[in-house]
Amino acid sequence: MRSAAKFQKIGPSLVFLAVLSFWAGSAAEHAHAQDFSHVPVKGMVTLIPTGPDQCVPCKMMAPILTKLQKDYKDKAAIVVIDVYRYNDQVQRFGIRAIPTQIFFDPNGKEVYRHTGFMSEKAIVEQLTKMGVKKN
């Protein structure tokens, strides 16, 4: 009887730990599933907006980025990186706050960085300054 009571106390904790370790393992596998070694894209202006899909400014930017990916297809690379999922990219790109948008020239040199919400108009202005025109 005593061991059954212990199991009831420990049982839910063990289940939680099992689920947590499964989730952490899946997240770790997923975190390495996407390869960002091609970013910034050589020969093309590249915009890397970073941030998780849970932050409010990031959510506000999501439809803007989707639209711009279509508007600038084959003209500029817009590669969104969720730094919660791909936390190895935080150090690589020097992310200190989210969201952050980093603009690279066709040679892969960073030319502009912005932290916080960035409007469609501001992104278009920066891409235009870099010589990129919409389709």
Foldseek 3Di string as FASTA:
>chain_A
DVVVVVCVVCVVVVVVVVVVVVVVVVLVVQLPPDDCPCPPPAQAKEKEWEAACPDPLNVVCVVLLVVVCQFCPVHHHYHYYHCVSNVVVCVVVVDDAPGKMWIAANHRHTDDIDHTRDDSVRVQVVVVVNVTDTD
